[in-house]
Protein backbone atom coordinates (compact mmCIF):
# COMPACT_ATOMS: atom_id res chain seq x y z
CA MET A 1 54.92 75.25 95.31
CA ASN A 2 56.17 78.72 94.43
CA LYS A 3 55.55 79.82 98.01
CA GLU A 4 57.54 76.84 99.24
CA LYS A 5 60.31 77.69 96.79
CA SER A 6 60.47 81.26 98.09
CA SER A 7 60.59 79.93 101.65
CA TYR A 8 63.69 77.90 100.82
CA TRP A 9 65.32 80.95 99.24
CA LYS A 10 64.50 83.06 102.30
CA GLN A 11 66.06 80.47 104.61
CA PHE A 12 69.10 80.16 102.35
CA SER A 13 69.62 83.93 102.09
CA LYS A 14 69.48 84.24 105.89
CA GLY A 15 72.14 81.57 106.32
CA LEU A 16 69.68 79.09 107.80
CA LEU A 17 70.04 76.61 104.94
CA GLY A 18 73.25 75.28 103.40
CA VAL A 19 73.92 75.42 99.68
CA LYS A 20 73.90 71.62 99.19
CA ALA A 21 70.55 71.23 100.91
CA TYR A 22 69.15 74.24 99.05
CA ASN A 23 70.12 72.76 95.68
CA ILE A 24 68.48 69.44 96.59
CA LEU A 25 65.26 71.21 97.57
CA GLU A 26 65.31 73.33 94.41
CA ASN A 27 65.50 70.20 92.26
CA ILE A 28 62.71 68.52 94.22
CA ASN A 29 60.52 71.60 93.98
CA ASN A 30 61.06 71.88 90.24
CA GLU A 31 60.08 68.23 89.80
CA LEU A 32 56.82 68.83 91.66
CA LEU A 33 56.12 71.99 89.66
CA ASP A 34 56.56 69.96 86.46
CA GLN A 35 53.76 67.66 87.66
CA ASN A 36 51.33 70.60 87.39
CA GLY A 37 49.59 69.64 90.62
CA GLU A 38 48.50 66.25 89.30
CA PHE A 39 49.73 64.49 92.43
CA PRO A 40 49.62 65.49 96.10
CA VAL A 41 52.95 66.79 97.39
CA THR A 42 52.96 63.99 99.96
CA SER A 43 53.03 61.36 97.21
CA SER A 44 56.62 62.29 96.49
CA THR A 45 59.20 59.97 98.04
CA TYR A 46 61.95 62.58 97.98
CA ILE A 47 62.35 62.57 101.76
CA GLU A 48 63.12 58.86 101.57
CA LYS A 49 65.45 59.50 98.64
CA LEU A 50 67.68 61.55 100.93
CA TRP A 51 68.73 58.29 102.58
CA ASN A 52 69.76 56.94 99.17
CA SER A 53 72.10 59.80 98.30
CA SER A 54 75.13 57.88 99.58
CA ASN A 55 76.33 54.28 99.42
CA ILE A 56 76.28 54.35 103.20
CA PHE A 57 72.50 54.15 102.98
CA VAL A 58 71.84 51.97 99.94
CA GLU A 59 73.87 48.89 100.79
CA VAL A 60 74.18 46.62 103.81
CA GLN A 61 77.21 47.80 105.74
CA LYS A 62 79.31 46.23 108.46
CA TRP A 63 79.62 48.52 111.47
CA SER A 64 83.35 47.81 111.62
CA ASN A 65 83.74 49.09 108.06
CA LEU A 66 81.70 52.20 108.81
CA ARG A 67 83.99 53.01 111.74
CA LYS A 68 86.96 52.83 109.36
CA SER A 69 85.35 55.09 106.76
CA SER A 70 85.63 58.85 106.54
CA PHE A 71 83.52 60.40 109.28
CA ASP A 72 83.64 63.64 107.32
CA ASP A 73 81.69 61.99 104.48
CA LEU A 74 79.16 60.47 106.87
CA PHE A 75 78.68 63.74 108.71
CA ASP A 76 78.44 65.78 105.51
CA GLN A 77 75.74 63.53 104.08
CA LEU A 78 73.65 63.37 107.23
CA ASN A 79 74.09 67.08 107.86
CA THR A 80 72.81 67.88 104.36
CA ASN A 81 69.82 65.59 104.91
CA TYR A 82 69.08 67.21 108.27
CA ASP A 83 69.44 70.68 106.78
CA ALA A 84 67.06 69.92 103.91
CA VAL A 85 64.36 68.32 106.03
CA ARG A 86 64.53 71.07 108.63
CA ALA A 87 63.94 73.60 105.84
CA ILE A 88 61.01 71.53 104.57
CA ILE A 89 59.41 71.61 108.03
CA ASN A 90 59.91 75.37 108.32
CA SER A 91 58.45 75.95 104.86
CA GLN A 92 55.29 74.05 105.77
CA ASP A 93 54.67 76.55 108.58
CA ASP A 94 54.87 79.34 105.99
CA LEU A 95 52.42 77.48 103.77
CA VAL A 96 49.92 77.03 106.61
CA LEU A 97 49.93 80.80 107.18
CA LEU A 98 49.35 81.40 103.47
CA LEU A 99 46.47 78.91 103.30
CA ASP A 100 44.85 80.35 106.43
CA ASP A 101 45.05 83.79 104.86
CA LEU A 102 43.48 82.58 101.60
CA LYS A 103 40.79 80.69 103.48
CA SER A 104 39.76 83.81 105.41
CA ASP A 105 38.51 85.49 102.23
CA LYS A 106 34.72 85.76 102.63
CA SER A 107 34.18 85.39 98.88
CA ASN A 108 35.47 81.80 98.83
CA THR A 109 33.06 79.22 97.45
CA ASP A 110 32.41 75.88 99.15
CA GLU A 111 34.49 74.18 96.49
CA GLU A 112 37.43 76.51 97.10
CA LEU A 113 37.21 75.91 100.84
CA LYS A 114 37.39 72.16 100.20
CA VAL A 115 40.52 72.68 98.11
CA PHE A 116 42.13 74.78 100.86
CA LYS A 117 41.37 72.06 103.41
CA LEU A 118 42.86 69.39 101.15
CA LEU A 119 46.00 71.46 100.63
CA LYS A 120 46.36 72.13 104.35
CA ASP A 121 46.04 68.42 105.09
CA GLU A 122 48.80 67.73 102.55
CA VAL A 123 51.01 70.41 104.11
CA ASN A 124 50.52 68.97 107.60
CA GLU A 125 51.23 65.46 106.32
CA LYS A 126 54.42 66.67 104.68
CA LYS A 127 55.51 68.25 107.96
CA ILE A 128 54.83 64.96 109.76
CA GLN A 129 56.97 63.15 107.17
CA GLY A 130 59.79 65.59 107.86
CA LEU A 131 59.54 65.20 111.63
CA THR A 132 59.48 61.41 111.21
CA PHE A 133 62.64 61.60 109.11
CA LEU A 134 64.44 63.57 111.82
CA ARG A 135 63.29 61.12 114.49
CA ASN A 136 64.55 58.20 112.40
CA LEU A 137 67.83 60.00 111.80
CA LYS A 138 68.24 60.52 115.54
CA ASN A 139 67.43 56.87 116.28
CA SER A 140 69.71 55.53 113.55
CA PHE A 141 72.79 57.69 114.14
CA PRO A 142 72.44 59.36 117.59
CA GLU A 143 76.12 60.35 117.88
CA VAL A 144 76.08 62.14 114.53
CA TYR A 145 72.64 63.64 115.17
CA LYS A 146 73.78 65.18 118.45
CA THR A 147 76.75 66.77 116.70
CA ILE A 148 74.52 68.11 113.92
CA GLU A 149 72.03 69.59 116.39
CA THR A 150 74.79 71.26 118.39
CA ARG A 151 76.29 72.84 115.27
CA GLN A 152 72.85 73.83 114.03
CA ALA A 153 72.02 75.52 117.34
CA SER A 154 75.30 77.45 117.19
CA ARG A 155 74.59 78.50 113.61
CA ASP A 156 71.07 79.63 114.50
CA LEU A 157 72.38 81.66 117.43
CA LEU A 158 75.00 83.39 115.30
CA ASN A 159 72.43 84.16 112.60
CA PHE A 160 70.07 85.57 115.22
CA GLN A 161 72.85 87.78 116.60
CA LYS A 162 73.69 88.97 113.10
CA SER A 163 70.06 89.78 112.31
CA GLU A 164 69.45 91.59 115.59
CA PHE A 165 72.65 93.58 115.28
CA SER A 166 71.83 94.57 111.70
CA ASN A 167 68.47 95.89 112.91
CA MET A 168 70.21 97.91 115.62
CA VAL A 169 72.49 99.43 112.96
CA LYS A 170 69.45 100.42 110.85
CA LEU A 171 67.89 102.09 113.88
CA GLY A 172 71.09 104.04 114.50
CA ARG A 173 71.61 102.52 117.92
CA VAL A 174 75.14 101.30 117.14
CA ASP A 175 78.14 103.20 115.78
CA LYS A 176 79.10 102.04 112.26
CA ASP A 177 82.72 101.27 113.17
CA ASP A 178 81.61 99.16 116.11
CA ALA A 179 79.00 97.49 113.92
CA ASP A 180 81.53 96.50 111.26
CA LYS A 181 83.83 95.05 113.90
CA PHE A 182 81.05 93.06 115.57
CA LEU A 183 79.61 91.74 112.29
CA LEU A 184 83.09 90.70 111.18
CA GLU A 185 83.48 88.78 114.42
CA ILE A 186 80.18 86.96 113.81
CA GLU A 187 81.23 86.08 110.26
CA TYR A 188 84.53 84.74 111.60
CA LYS A 189 82.72 82.52 114.13
CA MET A 190 80.37 81.23 111.44
CA ASN A 191 83.29 80.42 109.17
CA GLU A 192 85.07 78.62 112.03
CA LEU A 193 81.93 76.62 112.73
CA LEU A 194 81.59 75.48 109.13
CA SER A 195 85.31 74.92 108.54
CA ASN A 196 86.21 72.85 111.59
CA PRO A 197 85.66 69.09 111.24
CA PRO A 198 82.89 67.60 113.38
CA SER A 199 83.81 65.89 116.61
CA PHE A 200 82.05 62.62 117.33
CA ILE A 201 82.98 58.99 117.90
CA LEU A 202 81.06 55.98 116.66
CA PRO A 203 80.99 53.38 119.45
CA ASN A 204 82.82 50.08 119.05
CA ALA A 205 81.04 46.73 118.95
CA ILE A 206 81.19 46.09 122.70
CA ASP A 207 79.82 49.53 123.54
CA LEU A 208 76.97 48.94 121.10
CA LEU A 209 76.20 45.58 122.68
CA LYS A 210 76.05 47.26 126.08
CA GLN A 211 73.22 49.44 124.79
CA ILE A 212 70.98 46.36 124.85
CA PRO A 213 69.81 46.07 128.48
CA TRP A 214 69.67 42.28 128.70
CA ILE A 215 73.12 41.94 127.11
CA ASN A 216 74.57 44.62 129.36
CA THR A 217 74.03 42.27 132.33
CA LEU A 218 76.83 40.03 131.03
CA ASP A 219 80.32 40.39 132.46
CA GLU A 220 83.21 41.81 130.44
CA ASN A 221 84.60 38.40 129.55
CA GLU A 222 81.24 37.25 128.16
CA LEU A 223 80.82 40.51 126.27
CA ASN A 224 84.24 40.10 124.69
CA LYS A 225 83.37 36.58 123.59
CA MET A 226 80.05 37.73 122.17
CA SER A 227 81.62 40.59 120.23
CA LYS A 228 83.81 38.06 118.40
CA ILE A 229 80.98 35.80 117.22
CA VAL A 230 78.38 38.39 116.21
CA GLU A 231 78.36 40.89 113.37
CA ILE A 232 76.91 44.36 113.66
CA LYS A 233 75.35 45.48 110.40
CA ILE A 234 73.58 48.56 109.10
CA PHE A 235 70.66 47.88 106.77
CA PRO A 236 69.26 50.63 104.52
CA LEU A 237 65.75 52.06 104.46
CA ASN A 238 63.06 49.78 102.97
CA TYR A 239 65.34 46.76 103.11
CA ASN A 240 63.24 43.57 102.89
CA PHE A 241 65.62 41.05 104.50
CA GLU A 242 64.76 38.41 101.88
CA ASP A 243 68.24 36.89 101.89
CA GLU A 244 68.39 36.96 105.68
CA LEU A 245 65.08 35.10 105.95
CA LYS A 246 66.71 32.21 104.08
CA SER A 247 69.71 32.14 106.40
CA HIS A 248 68.03 31.00 109.65
CA GLY A 249 70.08 33.43 111.71
CA LEU A 250 69.08 35.72 114.57
CA GLY A 251 68.91 39.50 114.63
CA ILE A 252 68.85 41.83 117.65
CA LEU A 253 67.60 45.34 116.95
CA LEU A 254 69.99 48.03 118.12
CA ARG A 255 68.83 51.15 116.31
CA GLY A 256 66.16 52.16 113.85
CA ASN A 257 62.68 50.91 113.02
CA VAL A 258 61.77 47.45 111.75
CA GLU A 259 58.33 46.08 110.91
CA VAL A 260 57.50 42.37 110.82
CA LEU A 261 54.51 41.35 108.71
CA GLU A 262 53.10 37.85 108.99
CA ASN A 263 49.66 36.29 108.49
CA GLU A 264 48.03 39.64 107.71
CA SER A 265 49.27 41.19 110.95
CA SER A 266 52.19 43.51 111.60
CA LYS A 267 54.28 44.62 114.54
CA VAL A 268 57.10 47.07 115.08
CA LEU A 269 60.12 45.66 116.85
CA ASP A 270 61.27 47.13 120.14
CA LEU A 271 64.92 47.99 120.62
CA GLY A 272 66.74 44.97 122.01
CA SER A 273 64.15 42.53 120.71
CA VAL A 274 65.29 39.33 119.00
CA THR A 275 63.99 38.24 115.61
CA SER A 276 64.35 34.81 114.10
CA PHE A 277 65.26 35.07 110.45
CA SER A 278 63.60 31.95 109.17
CA ASN A 279 60.69 31.44 106.82
CA SER A 280 58.20 30.31 109.44
CA SER A 281 55.51 31.08 106.87
CA ASP A 282 55.41 32.09 103.23
CA SER A 283 53.76 35.36 104.20
CA LYS A 284 56.49 36.49 106.60
CA LYS A 285 58.16 39.75 105.64
CA ILE A 286 60.59 41.94 107.54
CA VAL A 287 61.07 45.52 106.35
CA SER A 288 63.24 48.36 107.66
CA LYS A 289 61.42 51.67 108.08
CA SER A 290 64.67 53.59 108.52
CA PRO A 291 68.36 52.73 108.37
CA VAL A 292 68.70 49.93 110.92
CA THR A 293 71.62 48.78 113.03
CA MET A 294 71.31 45.15 114.05
CA VAL A 295 73.37 42.58 115.91
CA TRP A 296 73.54 39.62 113.56
CA ILE A 297 74.15 36.04 114.69
CA SER A 298 74.60 33.68 111.77
CA LYS A 299 73.23 30.14 111.91
CA ASN A 300 76.68 28.58 112.31
CA ARG A 301 77.44 30.77 115.38
CA LEU A 302 74.17 30.18 117.24
CA GLU A 303 75.57 27.35 119.34
CA GLU A 304 78.47 29.54 120.50
CA PHE A 305 76.03 32.36 121.20
CA GLU A 306 73.86 30.09 123.36
CA LYS A 307 76.86 29.09 125.46
CA ILE A 308 77.24 32.75 126.43
CA THR A 309 73.57 33.52 127.07
CA THR A 310 70.20 31.86 126.73
CA ASP A 311 68.40 34.98 127.95
CA TYR A 312 67.76 36.01 124.34
CA LYS A 313 64.89 33.51 124.26
CA ASN A 314 62.98 35.82 126.61
CA HIS A 315 63.20 38.68 124.15
CA PHE A 316 61.82 37.17 120.96
CA SER A 317 59.41 39.41 119.13
């Protein structure tokens, strides 16, 4: 854990990790250190907790309300989450190198080798959790994710330029006056990058509906009608849809990951698939595995929906 902590500090000191994300990771790391190694690092749910750090991700939201909210807040929260998880992934690579180095010691006992293997498995699992988080983030908020990645790539490039130029200064290959001017220019660009508000647009309801292939075959008039009778909602991570299962409505998956469990079997919904929210059996459960965006058709609007399209019946899952 101390090695991981030093990895976060190294990334922070090089400008590769923002202060908000660094503070989050520091708190997480201290919690794990307090456990004195009693639990595997992968037992911590802190990666999932990142979703719960804003009301955007702990309550069911209407898409229309989200579009009216401050994009700066949404971007800031998701950017911090991205920053933190990216640092976690990088730190696991550092830990693998450390464990490989420790394992190479010829004096290790069989018991010590078993411990090293267990630790390496935990490190790899933690990296997988981080990569899964980023994939879910991309699937749930692709417009924001693209903006974050673009800004992150620009930040990485500027940091690389700064590091390379500093090395050239140490080697005496650049005049000091020129070096100061160039480094000041890099700092200015970095400040501009962090200061300027992000540029992205959340799609409106009709554009979201068009992302579902079988709905996109409808004409504009039908799409307009549909947009007025459906609701587009965002459900948080680990949402169990208990209330929705009592409502006898329909849901069409737009973004995110949803698992349906029924009669001791489970399946993951495909994007664009239709789910009936009715208690067909006492064992039926529907759980979100990431923040989920869903087209919602309430029971009292189903008849209107069917007048527009009956093709949805071919996409039940």
